[in-house]
C-alpha atoms as a PDB file:
ATOM      1  CA  UNK A   1       5.757  -3.169  12.626  1.00  0.00           C
ATOM      2  CA  UNK A   2       8.996  -1.859  10.868  1.00  0.00           C
ATOM      3  CA  UNK A   3       6.914   1.322   9.530  1.00  0.00           C
ATOM      4  CA  UNK A   4       5.827   2.282  13.466  1.00  0.00           C
ATOM      5  CA  UNK A   5       9.361   4.496  13.857  1.00  0.00           C
ATOM      6  CA  UNK A   6       7.791   7.222  16.032  1.00  0.00           C
ATOM      7  CA  UNK A   7       4.036   7.931  17.658  1.00  0.00           C
ATOM      8  CA  UNK A   8       2.775  11.201  17.396  1.00  0.00           C
ATOM      9  CA  UNK A   9       2.638  12.467  21.443  1.00  0.00           C
ATOM     10  CA  UNK A  10      -0.715  12.303  22.740  1.00  0.00           C
ATOM     11  CA  UNK A  11      -0.950  16.186  23.758  1.00  0.00           C
ATOM     12  CA  UNK A  12       0.066  16.880  19.938  1.00  0.00           C
ATOM     13  CA  UNK A  13      -3.398  14.332  18.892  1.00  0.00           C
ATOM     14  CA  UNK A  14      -5.328  15.703  21.453  1.00  0.00           C
ATOM     15  CA  UNK A  15      -4.763  19.349  20.269  1.00  0.00           C
ATOM     16  CA  UNK A  16      -5.460  18.031  16.720  1.00  0.00           C
ATOM     17  CA  UNK A  17      -8.786  16.424  17.632  1.00  0.00           C
ATOM     18  CA  UNK A  18      -9.744  19.919  20.086  1.00  0.00           C
ATOM     19  CA  UNK A  19      -9.215  21.937  16.696  1.00  0.00           C
ATOM     20  CA  UNK A  20     -10.988  19.634  14.569  1.00  0.00           C
ATOM     21  CA  UNK A  21     -14.038  19.748  17.115  1.00  0.00           C
ATOM     22  CA  UNK A  22     -13.687  23.720  16.551  1.00  0.00           C
ATOM     23  CA  UNK A  23     -13.739  23.577  12.774  1.00  0.00           C
ATOM     24  CA  UNK A  24     -16.915  21.257  12.866  1.00  0.00           C
ATOM     25  CA  UNK A  25     -18.637  23.881  15.570  1.00  0.00           C
ATOM     26  CA  UNK A  26     -17.693  26.697  12.864  1.00  0.00           C
ATOM     27  CA  UNK A  27     -18.669  24.953  10.148  1.00  0.00           C
ATOM     28  CA  UNK A  28     -15.923  24.148   7.312  1.00  0.00           C
ATOM     29  CA  UNK A  29     -15.645  24.070   3.360  1.00  0.00           C
ATOM     30  CA  UNK A  30     -17.085  20.567   3.631  1.00  0.00           C
ATOM     31  CA  UNK A  31     -20.374  21.197   2.127  1.00  0.00           C
ATOM     32  CA  UNK A  32     -22.405  17.755   3.029  1.00  0.00           C
ATOM     33  CA  UNK A  33     -23.837  16.932  -0.205  1.00  0.00           C
ATOM     34  CA  UNK A  34     -25.639  13.845   0.910  1.00  0.00           C
ATOM     35  CA  UNK A  35     -23.063  11.393  -0.516  1.00  0.00           C
ATOM     36  CA  UNK A  36     -21.266   8.473   1.200  1.00  0.00           C
ATOM     37  CA  UNK A  37     -18.629  10.113   2.813  1.00  0.00           C
ATOM     38  CA  UNK A  38     -15.379   7.442   2.682  1.00  0.00           C
ATOM     39  CA  UNK A  39     -11.693   8.972   4.041  1.00  0.00           C
ATOM     40  CA  UNK A  40      -8.646   6.917   2.636  1.00  0.00           C
ATOM     41  CA  UNK A  41      -5.563   6.459   4.093  1.00  0.00           C
ATOM     42  CA  UNK A  42      -2.954   5.758   1.147  1.00  0.00           C
ATOM     43  CA  UNK A  43      -3.262   5.666  -2.408  1.00  0.00           C
ATOM     44  CA  UNK A  44      -4.192   2.285  -3.600  1.00  0.00           C
ATOM     45  CA  UNK A  45      -7.786   2.418  -1.292  1.00  0.00           C
ATOM     46  CA  UNK A  46      -8.537   5.820  -2.636  1.00  0.00           C
ATOM     47  CA  UNK A  47      -8.416   3.846  -5.771  1.00  0.00           C
ATOM     48  CA  UNK A  48     -10.755   1.249  -4.567  1.00  0.00           C
ATOM     49  CA  UNK A  49     -13.415   3.618  -3.222  1.00  0.00           C
ATOM     50  CA  UNK A  50     -13.544   5.857  -6.531  1.00  0.00           C
ATOM     51  CA  UNK A  51     -14.021   2.993  -8.471  1.00  0.00           C
ATOM     52  CA  UNK A  52     -16.529   0.808  -6.372  1.00  0.00           C
ATOM     53  CA  UNK A  53     -18.513   4.349  -4.973  1.00  0.00           C
ATOM     54  CA  UNK A  54     -18.654   6.048  -8.401  1.00  0.00           C
ATOM     55  CA  UNK A  55     -20.471   9.394  -8.134  1.00  0.00           C
ATOM     56  CA  UNK A  56     -22.528   7.729  -5.247  1.00  0.00           C
ATOM     57  CA  UNK A  57     -19.496   8.433  -2.667  1.00  0.00           C
ATOM     58  CA  UNK A  58     -17.242  11.310  -1.909  1.00  0.00           C
ATOM     59  CA  UNK A  59     -13.401  10.251  -1.149  1.00  0.00           C
ATOM     60  CA  UNK A  60     -11.072  12.118   0.696  1.00  0.00           C
ATOM     61  CA  UNK A  61      -7.770  10.898   0.637  1.00  0.00           C
ATOM     62  CA  UNK A  62      -4.976  11.322   3.616  1.00  0.00           C
ATOM     63  CA  UNK A  63      -1.952  11.275   1.285  1.00  0.00           C
ATOM     64  CA  UNK A  64      -1.428  13.785  -1.488  1.00  0.00           C
ATOM     65  CA  UNK A  65       0.071  12.767  -4.736  1.00  0.00           C
ATOM     66  CA  UNK A  66       3.865  12.466  -4.004  1.00  0.00           C
ATOM     67  CA  UNK A  67       3.350  12.397  -0.378  1.00  0.00           C
ATOM     68  CA  UNK A  68       5.281   9.777   1.627  1.00  0.00           C
ATOM     69  CA  UNK A  69       2.489   7.732   3.116  1.00  0.00           C
ATOM     70  CA  UNK A  70       4.939   5.974   5.815  1.00  0.00           C
ATOM     71  CA  UNK A  71       5.177   9.027   7.775  1.00  0.00           C
ATOM     72  CA  UNK A  72       2.035  10.976   8.033  1.00  0.00           C
ATOM     73  CA  UNK A  73       0.758  13.316   9.603  1.00  0.00           C
ATOM     74  CA  UNK A  74      -2.994  14.481  10.370  1.00  0.00           C
ATOM     75  CA  UNK A  75      -4.083  18.257  10.012  1.00  0.00           C
ATOM     76  CA  UNK A  76      -7.215  18.969  12.249  1.00  0.00           C
ATOM     77  CA  UNK A  77      -8.875  18.949   9.210  1.00  0.00           C
ATOM     78  CA  UNK A  78      -7.963  15.765   8.105  1.00  0.00           C
ATOM     79  CA  UNK A  79      -9.353  14.409  11.985  1.00  0.00           C
ATOM     80  CA  UNK A  80     -12.288  15.997  11.554  1.00  0.00           C
ATOM     81  CA  UNK A  81     -12.630  14.073   7.988  1.00  0.00           C
ATOM     82  CA  UNK A  82     -12.419  10.808  10.135  1.00  0.00           C
ATOM     83  CA  UNK A  83     -14.478  12.051  12.354  1.00  0.00           C
ATOM     84  CA  UNK A  84     -17.117  12.710   9.419  1.00  0.00           C
ATOM     85  CA  UNK A  85     -16.628   9.677   7.602  1.00  0.00           C
ATOM     86  CA  UNK A  86     -19.567   6.945   6.467  1.00  0.00           C
ATOM     87  CA  UNK A  87     -16.534   4.670   6.307  1.00  0.00           C
ATOM     88  CA  UNK A  88     -12.654   4.751   6.772  1.00  0.00           C
ATOM     89  CA  UNK A  89     -10.648   2.623   4.641  1.00  0.00           C
ATOM     90  CA  UNK A  90      -7.261   1.946   6.059  1.00  0.00           C
ATOM     91  CA  UNK A  91      -4.376  -0.354   7.025  1.00  0.00           C
ATOM     92  CA  UNK A  92      -3.325  -0.622  10.864  1.00  0.00           C
ATOM     93  CA  UNK A  93       0.049  -0.341  11.740  1.00  0.00           C
ATOM     94  CA  UNK A  94       1.311   1.092   8.201  1.00  0.00           C
ATOM     95  CA  UNK A  95       0.656   4.805   9.485  1.00  0.00           C
ATOM     96  CA  UNK A  96       0.495   5.246  13.214  1.00  0.00           C
ATOM     97  CA  UNK A  97      -1.210   8.721  13.232  1.00  0.00           C
ATOM     98  CA  UNK A  98      -4.001   7.060  11.664  1.00  0.00           C
ATOM     99  CA  UNK A  99      -4.687   4.187  13.923  1.00  0.00           C
ATOM    100  CA  UNK A 100      -4.724   7.143  16.892  1.00  0.00           C
ATOM    101  CA  UNK A 101      -7.212   9.012  14.841  1.00  0.00           C
ATOM    102  CA  UNK A 102      -9.562   5.921  14.011  1.00  0.00           C
ATOM    103  CA  UNK A 103      -9.357   4.516  17.844  1.00  0.00           C
ATOM    104  CA  UNK A 104     -10.662   7.871  19.089  1.00  0.00           C
ATOM    105  CA  UNK A 105     -12.428   9.384  16.222  1.00  0.00           C
ATOM    106  CA  UNK A 106     -13.947   6.507  14.189  1.00  0.00           C
ATOM    107  CA  UNK A 107     -13.416   2.794  14.898  1.00  0.00           C
ATOM    108  CA  UNK A 108     -16.691   1.947  14.676  1.00  0.00           C
ATOM    109  CA  UNK A 109     -16.706   2.685  11.023  1.00  0.00           C
ATOM    110  CA  UNK A 110     -13.375   2.086  10.275  1.00  0.00           C
ATOM    111  CA  UNK A 111     -12.546  -1.288   8.137  1.00  0.00           C
ATOM    112  CA  UNK A 112      -8.911  -2.241   8.283  1.00  0.00           C
ATOM    113  CA  UNK A 113      -8.139  -3.900   5.005  1.00  0.00           C
ATOM    114  CA  UNK A 114      -5.188  -6.380   6.519  1.00  0.00           C
ATOM    115  CA  UNK A 115      -8.001  -8.518   8.521  1.00  0.00           C
ATOM    116  CA  UNK A 116      -9.395  -8.887   4.834  1.00  0.00           C
ATOM    117  CA  UNK A 117      -6.831 -11.234   3.680  1.00  0.00           C
ATOM    118  CA  UNK A 118      -3.593 -12.862   4.562  1.00  0.00           C
ATOM    119  CA  UNK A 119      -0.410 -10.928   4.933  1.00  0.00           C
ATOM    120  CA  UNK A 120       3.267 -11.644   4.638  1.00  0.00           C
ATOM    121  CA  UNK A 121       5.784 -11.143   7.057  1.00  0.00           C
ATOM    122  CA  UNK A 122       8.187  -8.287   5.936  1.00  0.00           C
ATOM    123  CA  UNK A 123      11.481 -10.050   7.215  1.00  0.00           C
ATOM    124  CA  UNK A 124      10.743 -13.229   5.344  1.00  0.00           C
ATOM    125  CA  UNK A 125       9.040 -11.864   2.370  1.00  0.00           C
ATOM    126  CA  UNK A 126       7.165 -14.997   1.320  1.00  0.00           C
ATOM    127  CA  UNK A 127       5.549 -16.434   4.333  1.00  0.00           C
ATOM    128  CA  UNK A 128       1.889 -15.690   5.355  1.00  0.00           C
ATOM    129  CA  UNK A 129       1.102 -14.109   8.424  1.00  0.00           C
ATOM    130  CA  UNK A 130      -2.188 -15.545   9.460  1.00  0.00           C
ATOM    131  CA  UNK A 131      -3.170 -13.294  12.908  1.00  0.00           C
ATOM    132  CA  UNK A 132      -6.013 -15.994  13.781  1.00  0.00           C
ATOM    133  CA  UNK A 133      -3.499 -18.843  13.625  1.00  0.00           C
ATOM    134  CA  UNK A 134      -1.292 -17.116  15.921  1.00  0.00           C
ATOM    135  CA  UNK A 135      -3.955 -16.460  18.520  1.00  0.00           C
ATOM    136  CA  UNK A 136      -5.032 -19.927  18.948  1.00  0.00           C
ATOM    137  CA  UNK A 137      -1.585 -21.045  19.733  1.00  0.00           C
ATOM    138  CA  UNK A 138      -1.522 -18.573  22.869  1.00  0.00           C
ATOM    139  CA  UNK A 139       1.537 -16.457  21.536  1.00  0.00           C
ATOM    140  CA  UNK A 140       2.011 -12.587  20.269  1.00  0.00           C
ATOM    141  CA  UNK A 141       2.874 -13.077  17.046  1.00  0.00           C
ATOM    142  CA  UNK A 142       2.393  -9.697  15.836  1.00  0.00           C
ATOM    143  CA  UNK A 143       5.997  -8.460  17.693  1.00  0.00           C
ATOM    144  CA  UNK A 144       8.070 -11.511  15.954  1.00  0.00           C
ATOM    145  CA  UNK A 145       8.235  -9.726  12.495  1.00  0.00           C
ATOM    146  CA  UNK A 146       7.109  -6.477  10.770  1.00  0.00           C
ATOM    147  CA  UNK A 147       3.863  -7.325   8.731  1.00  0.00           C
ATOM    148  CA  UNK A 148       4.519  -6.353   4.928  1.00  0.00           C
ATOM    149  CA  UNK A 149       1.855  -3.619   4.351  1.00  0.00           C
ATOM    150  CA  UNK A 150       2.276  -3.424   0.359  1.00  0.00           C
ATOM    151  CA  UNK A 151      -0.378  -5.878  -0.581  1.00  0.00           C
ATOM    152  CA  UNK A 152      -1.886  -3.335  -3.325  1.00  0.00           C
ATOM    153  CA  UNK A 153       0.662  -5.173  -5.209  1.00  0.00           C
ATOM    154  CA  UNK A 154      -0.871  -8.526  -5.670  1.00  0.00           C
ATOM    155  CA  UNK A 155      -3.767  -7.902  -8.252  1.00  0.00           C
ATOM    156  CA  UNK A 156      -5.891 -10.975  -6.664  1.00  0.00           C
ATOM    157  CA  UNK A 157      -5.445  -9.352  -2.908  1.00  0.00           C
ATOM    158  CA  UNK A 158      -6.630  -6.398  -4.405  1.00  0.00           C
ATOM    159  CA  UNK A 159      -9.818  -8.473  -5.819  1.00  0.00           C
ATOM    160  CA  UNK A 160     -10.791  -9.403  -2.258  1.00  0.00           C
ATOM    161  CA  UNK A 161     -10.515  -6.012  -1.087  1.00  0.00           C
ATOM    162  CA  UNK A 162     -12.664  -4.422  -3.817  1.00  0.00           C
ATOM    163  CA  UNK A 163     -15.287  -6.902  -2.579  1.00  0.00           C
ATOM    164  CA  UNK A 164     -15.085  -6.368   0.737  1.00  0.00           C
ATOM    165  CA  UNK A 165     -15.269  -2.749   0.145  1.00  0.00           C
ATOM    166  CA  UNK A 166     -18.335  -3.170  -1.691  1.00  0.00           C
ATOM    167  CA  UNK A 167     -20.254  -5.256   1.164  1.00  0.00           C
ATOM    168  CA  UNK A 168     -19.313  -2.013   3.401  1.00  0.00           C
ATOM    169  CA  UNK A 169     -20.361   0.395   1.515  1.00  0.00           C
ATOM    170  CA  UNK A 170     -23.754  -1.770   0.935  1.00  0.00           C
ATOM    171  CA  UNK A 171     -24.393  -1.758   4.629  1.00  0.00           C
ATOM    172  CA  UNK A 172     -23.562   1.852   4.698  1.00  0.00           C
ATOM    173  CA  UNK A 173     -25.858   3.040   1.769  1.00  0.00           C
ATOM    174  CA  UNK A 174     -28.249   0.282   1.249  1.00  0.00           C
ATOM    175  CA  UNK A 175     -29.816   2.198  -1.256  1.00  0.00           C
ATOM    176  CA  UNK A 176     -27.381   2.047  -3.831  1.00  0.00           C
ATOM    177  CA  UNK A 177     -26.094  -1.250  -3.405  1.00  0.00           C
ATOM    178  CA  UNK A 178     -26.651  -2.794  -6.161  1.00  0.00           C
ATOM    179  CA  UNK A 179     -24.581  -0.122  -7.988  1.00  0.00           C
ATOM    180  CA  UNK A 180     -21.507  -0.782  -5.706  1.00  0.00           C
ATOM    181  CA  UNK A 181     -21.705  -4.430  -6.126  1.00  0.00           C
ATOM    182  CA  UNK A 182     -22.003  -4.128  -9.970  1.00  0.00           C
ATOM    183  CA  UNK A 183     -18.904  -1.321 -10.425  1.00  0.00           C
ATOM    184  CA  UNK A 184     -16.909  -3.820  -7.826  1.00  0.00           C
ATOM    185  CA  UNK A 185     -17.479  -6.477 -10.458  1.00  0.00           C
ATOM    186  CA  UNK A 186     -16.356  -4.450 -13.067  1.00  0.00           C
ATOM    187  CA  UNK A 187     -13.414  -4.011 -11.096  1.00  0.00           C
ATOM    188  CA  UNK A 188     -12.447  -7.035 -10.154  1.00  0.00           C
ATOM    189  CA  UNK A 189     -12.864  -7.972 -13.783  1.00  0.00           C
ATOM    190  CA  UNK A 190     -10.005  -5.565 -13.986  1.00  0.00           C
ATOM    191  CA  UNK A 191      -7.857  -6.493 -11.796  1.00  0.00           C
ATOM    192  CA  UNK A 192      -8.616 -10.268 -13.086  1.00  0.00           C
ATOM    193  CA  UNK A 193      -7.008  -9.145 -16.522  1.00  0.00           C
ATOM    194  CA  UNK A 194      -4.098  -7.498 -14.534  1.00  0.00           C
ATOM    195  CA  UNK A 195      -3.161 -10.767 -12.777  1.00  0.00           C
ATOM    196  CA  UNK A 196      -3.426 -12.633 -16.169  1.00  0.00           C
ATOM    197  CA  UNK A 197      -1.044 -10.065 -17.899  1.00  0.00           C
ATOM    198  CA  UNK A 198       0.980 -10.171 -15.285  1.00  0.00           C
ATOM    199  CA  UNK A 199       1.455 -14.211 -15.191  1.00  0.00           C
ATOM    200  CA  UNK A 200       1.749 -14.072 -18.819  1.00  0.00           C
ATOM    201  CA  UNK A 201       4.045 -11.277 -19.158  1.00  0.00           C
ATOM    202  CA  UNK A 202       6.734 -13.059 -16.228  1.00  0.00           C
ATOM    203  CA  UNK A 203       6.452 -16.602 -17.264  1.00  0.00           C
ATOM    204  CA  UNK A 204       9.409 -16.978 -19.468  1.00  0.00           C
ATOM    205  CA  UNK A 205      11.978 -14.523 -18.030  1.00  0.00           C
ATOM    206  CA  UNK A 206      15.728 -15.135 -17.735  1.00  0.00           C
ATOM    207  CA  UNK A 207      16.212 -13.760 -14.370  1.00  0.00           C
ATOM    208  CA  UNK A 208      13.847 -14.697 -11.435  1.00  0.00           C
ATOM    209  CA  UNK A 209      15.387 -12.512  -8.684  1.00  0.00           C
ATOM    210  CA  UNK A 210      15.281  -9.019  -9.121  1.00  0.00           C
ATOM    211  CA  UNK A 211      17.532  -6.700  -7.063  1.00  0.00           C
ATOM    212  CA  UNK A 212      15.352  -3.521  -5.504  1.00  0.00           C
ATOM    213  CA  UNK A 213      16.329  -0.683  -3.261  1.00  0.00           C
ATOM    214  CA  UNK A 214      13.316  -1.023  -0.860  1.00  0.00           C
ATOM    215  CA  UNK A 215      11.362  -4.349  -0.334  1.00  0.00           C
ATOM    216  CA  UNK A 216       7.867  -3.392  -1.036  1.00  0.00           C
ATOM    217  CA  UNK A 217       7.122  -6.239  -3.767  1.00  0.00           C
ATOM    218  CA  UNK A 218       6.817  -9.715  -1.704  1.00  0.00           C
ATOM    219  CA  UNK A 219       3.179  -9.943  -2.244  1.00  0.00           C
ATOM    220  CA  UNK A 220       3.799  -9.419  -6.308  1.00  0.00           C
ATOM    221  CA  UNK A 221       6.840 -11.251  -6.617  1.00  0.00           C
ATOM    222  CA  UNK A 222       4.960 -14.244  -4.511  1.00  0.00           C
ATOM    223  CA  UNK A 223       2.301 -13.761  -6.658  1.00  0.00           C
ATOM    224  CA  UNK A 224       4.346 -14.764  -9.836  1.00  0.00           C
ATOM    225  CA  UNK A 225       7.037 -16.626  -8.496  1.00  0.00           C
ATOM    226  CA  UNK A 226       9.826 -14.122  -8.207  1.00  0.00           C
ATOM    227  CA  UNK A 227      12.432 -13.401  -5.669  1.00  0.00           C
ATOM    228  CA  UNK A 228      12.852  -9.937  -3.970  1.00  0.00           C
ATOM    229  CA  UNK A 229      16.819  -9.188  -3.542  1.00  0.00           C
ATOM    230  CA  UNK A 230      16.044  -5.996  -0.826  1.00  0.00           C
ATOM    231  CA  UNK A 231      18.899  -3.443  -0.391  1.00  0.00           C
ATOM    232  CA  UNK A 232      17.000  -1.590   2.670  1.00  0.00           C
ATOM    233  CA  UNK A 233      14.096  -2.852   4.692  1.00  0.00           C
ATOM    234  CA  UNK A 234      10.324  -2.183   4.438  1.00  0.00           C
ATOM    235  CA  UNK A 235      10.569   1.335   4.857  1.00  0.00           C
ATOM    236  CA  UNK A 236      12.107   3.387   1.995  1.00  0.00           C
ATOM    237  CA  UNK A 237      13.989   6.044   3.593  1.00  0.00           C
ATOM    238  CA  UNK A 238      16.088   3.178   5.803  1.00  0.00           C
ATOM    239  CA  UNK A 239      19.430   3.733   4.756  1.00  0.00           C
ATOM    240  CA  UNK A 240      21.574   0.477   3.780  1.00  0.00           C
ATOM    241  CA  UNK A 241      24.541  -0.599   6.046  1.00  0.00           C
ATOM    242  CA  UNK A 242      27.731  -0.134   4.096  1.00  0.00           C
ATOM    243  CA  UNK A 243      28.342  -4.298   4.969  1.00  0.00           C
ATOM    244  CA  UNK A 244      24.382  -4.661   3.958  1.00  0.00           C
ATOM    245  CA  UNK A 245      25.186  -2.424   0.517  1.00  0.00           C
ATOM    246  CA  UNK A 246      28.259  -4.709  -0.126  1.00  0.00           C
ATOM    247  CA  UNK A 247      26.104  -8.245   0.462  1.00  0.00           C
ATOM    248  CA  UNK A 248      23.621  -6.649  -2.063  1.00  0.00           C
ATOM    249  CA  UNK A 249      26.580  -5.883  -4.719  1.00  0.00           C
ATOM    250  CA  UNK A 250      27.412  -9.497  -4.481  1.00  0.00           C
ATOM    251  CA  UNK A 251      24.140 -11.254  -4.866  1.00  0.00           C
ATOM    252  CA  UNK A 252      23.116  -8.871  -7.658  1.00  0.00           C
ATOM    253  CA  UNK A 253      26.601 -10.094  -9.399  1.00  0.00           C
ATOM    254  CA  UNK A 254      26.022 -13.526  -8.159  1.00  0.00           C
ATOM    255  CA  UNK A 255      22.786 -13.581  -9.960  1.00  0.00           C
ATOM    256  CA  UNK A 256      23.428 -11.897 -13.024  1.00  0.00           C
ATOM    257  CA  UNK A 257      21.230  -8.793 -12.609  1.00  0.00           C
ATOM    258  CA  UNK A 258      21.055  -6.468 -15.284  1.00  0.00           C
ATOM    259  CA  UNK A 259      18.727  -4.307 -13.617  1.00  0.00           C
ATOM    260  CA  UNK A 260      18.478  -2.391 -10.364  1.00  0.00           C
ATOM    261  CA  UNK A 261      15.366  -1.303  -9.804  1.00  0.00           C
ATOM    262  CA  UNK A 262      14.552   2.086  -7.414  1.00  0.00           C
ATOM    263  CA  UNK A 263      10.816   3.753  -6.917  1.00  0.00           C
ATOM    264  CA  UNK A 264      10.339   6.912  -7.886  1.00  0.00           C
ATOM    265  CA  UNK A 265       9.872   9.331  -4.890  1.00  0.00           C
ATOM    266  CA  UNK A 266      13.356   7.687  -3.448  1.00  0.00           C
ATOM    267  CA  UNK A 267      16.828   8.616  -4.084  1.00  0.00           C
ATOM    268  CA  UNK A 268      18.302   6.435  -6.603  1.00  0.00           C
ATOM    269  CA  UNK A 269      21.777   6.602  -5.151  1.00  0.00           C
ATOM    270  CA  UNK A 270      22.005   3.103  -3.725  1.00  0.00           C
ATOM    271  CA  UNK A 271      20.617   1.339  -6.841  1.00  0.00           C
ATOM    272  CA  UNK A 272      22.920   3.640  -9.130  1.00  0.00           C
ATOM    273  CA  UNK A 273      26.100   2.404  -6.841  1.00  0.00           C
ATOM    274  CA  UNK A 274      25.369  -1.067  -6.948  1.00  0.00           C
ATOM    275  CA  UNK A 275      24.333  -0.978 -10.819  1.00  0.00           C
ATOM    276  CA  UNK A 276      27.838   0.313 -11.149  1.00  0.00           C
ATOM    277  CA  UNK A 277      29.541  -2.109  -9.521  1.00  0.00           C
ATOM    278  CA  UNK A 278      28.314  -4.988 -11.411  1.00  0.00           C
ATOM    279  CA  UNK A 279      27.613  -3.323 -14.635  1.00  0.00           C
ATOM    280  CA  UNK A 280      24.015  -2.988 -14.779  1.00  0.00           C
ATOM    281  CA  UNK A 281      21.023  -0.425 -15.543  1.00  0.00           C
ATOM    282  CA  UNK A 282      18.772   1.230 -13.273  1.00  0.00           C
ATOM    283  CA  UNK A 283      14.982   1.532 -13.813  1.00  0.00           C
ATOM    284  CA  UNK A 284      12.066   2.533 -11.721  1.00  0.00           C
ATOM    285  CA  UNK A 285       9.676   0.071 -10.001  1.00  0.00           C
ATOM    286  CA  UNK A 286       6.673   1.569  -8.617  1.00  0.00           C
ATOM    287  CA  UNK A 287       5.024   0.403  -5.080  1.00  0.00           C
ATOM    288  CA  UNK A 288       2.171   2.675  -5.698  1.00  0.00           C
ATOM    289  CA  UNK A 289       2.363   3.888  -2.034  1.00  0.00           C
ATOM    290  CA  UNK A 290       1.762   7.319  -3.074  1.00  0.00           C
ATOM    291  CA  UNK A 291      -0.838   8.264  -5.992  1.00  0.00           C
ATOM    292  CA  UNK A 292       0.392   7.992  -9.648  1.00  0.00           C
ATOM    293  CA  UNK A 293       2.078  11.527 -11.145  1.00  0.00           C
ATOM    294  CA  UNK A 294      -0.037  10.596 -14.117  1.00  0.00           C
ATOM    295  CA  UNK A 295      -2.640   7.525 -14.946  1.00  0.00           C
ATOM    296  CA  UNK A 296      -4.304   5.241 -12.086  1.00  0.00           C
ATOM    297  CA  UNK A 297      -3.293   1.869 -10.247  1.00  0.00           C
ATOM    298  CA  UNK A 298      -3.625  -0.101 -13.227  1.00  0.00           C
ATOM    299  CA  UNK A 299      -1.837   2.088 -15.439  1.00  0.00           C
ATOM    300  CA  UNK A 300       0.757   2.583 -12.856  1.00  0.00           C
ATOM    301  CA  UNK A 301       0.907  -1.553 -12.282  1.00  0.00           C
ATOM    302  CA  UNK A 302       1.152  -2.313 -16.094  1.00  0.00           C
ATOM    303  CA  UNK A 303       4.090   0.183 -16.215  1.00  0.00           C
ATOM    304  CA  UNK A 304       5.701  -1.914 -13.483  1.00  0.00           C
ATOM    305  CA  UNK A 305       5.578  -4.668 -15.539  1.00  0.00           C
ATOM    306  CA  UNK A 306       7.007  -3.219 -18.696  1.00  0.00           C
ATOM    307  CA  UNK A 307       9.733  -2.539 -16.143  1.00  0.00           C
ATOM    308  CA  UNK A 308       9.928  -6.202 -15.313  1.00  0.00           C
ATOM    309  CA  UNK A 309       9.915  -7.455 -18.703  1.00  0.00           C
ATOM    310  CA  UNK A 310      12.432  -5.067 -19.623  1.00  0.00           C
ATOM    311  CA  UNK A 311      14.715  -5.689 -16.916  1.00  0.00           C
ATOM    312  CA  UNK A 312      14.334  -9.732 -16.078  1.00  0.00           C
ATOM    313  CA  UNK A 313      14.877 -10.779 -19.827  1.00  0.00           C
ATOM    314  CA  UNK A 314      11.239 -11.945 -20.373  1.00  0.00           C
ATOM    315  CA  UNK A 315      10.044 -13.344 -23.590  1.00  0.00           C
END
């Protein structure tokens, strides 16, 4: 996958695991309070776990607010959290360090959310990647194209994941199964409402193409009939070549783009360069790879909707 830019050396992983074991032997500051312990690898899964789990779970997020989720490096304490967790929510091939720790420490307690919903091929930005179909033809398609990890930007996919997380929590903690499923139903309703708001808000827009500095929005554009024109790839740190920058500028001009979108945790320089060339403005579109500075997943998604309605000229 595009995000797999570097793997931690095996020696570093081994050192982390040994250190985690030493911490566990000596006792940590994470006292066992009897609640189900959930470790989440990135913010949207933290949001789901907290909403579905309520007071019956303790959620430890591996990515802190404002941190880059792509290049996450685990501390010994975090490896220990994975080892001690009752449930681990992660996305394989998104964060190599988490993949390694899950394989070593928590594979039997891990839920790969990428197995719960169809994934998009990152290069195509609009074609579903179904691993079961590919296995049937005897060819390994996993290396043909990068998978787009940003599945949480589709409220419908998030609703499916919500139900599956409730099922796993119910299996792990049968005593509170009814509460998990009730909270999941409430969150599903919230996500369906969000989906309806997007559908109505983006139905009538002057422009269906949006120019983004980071091609994180394939799930959103597929869901609501838009088209993203990405300057850089799936990883926000990827710098576009001068040729790609020139191409994106011409595409923005050809489509009459009046807004170029960038994300808050990445430099706006590329977006500002294109905006100057075509006489457009810039606006923030949050891919929600990290926790928002204020509010939660739902409020951040609604802020995205407001930015899109303005930028795309939606009635």
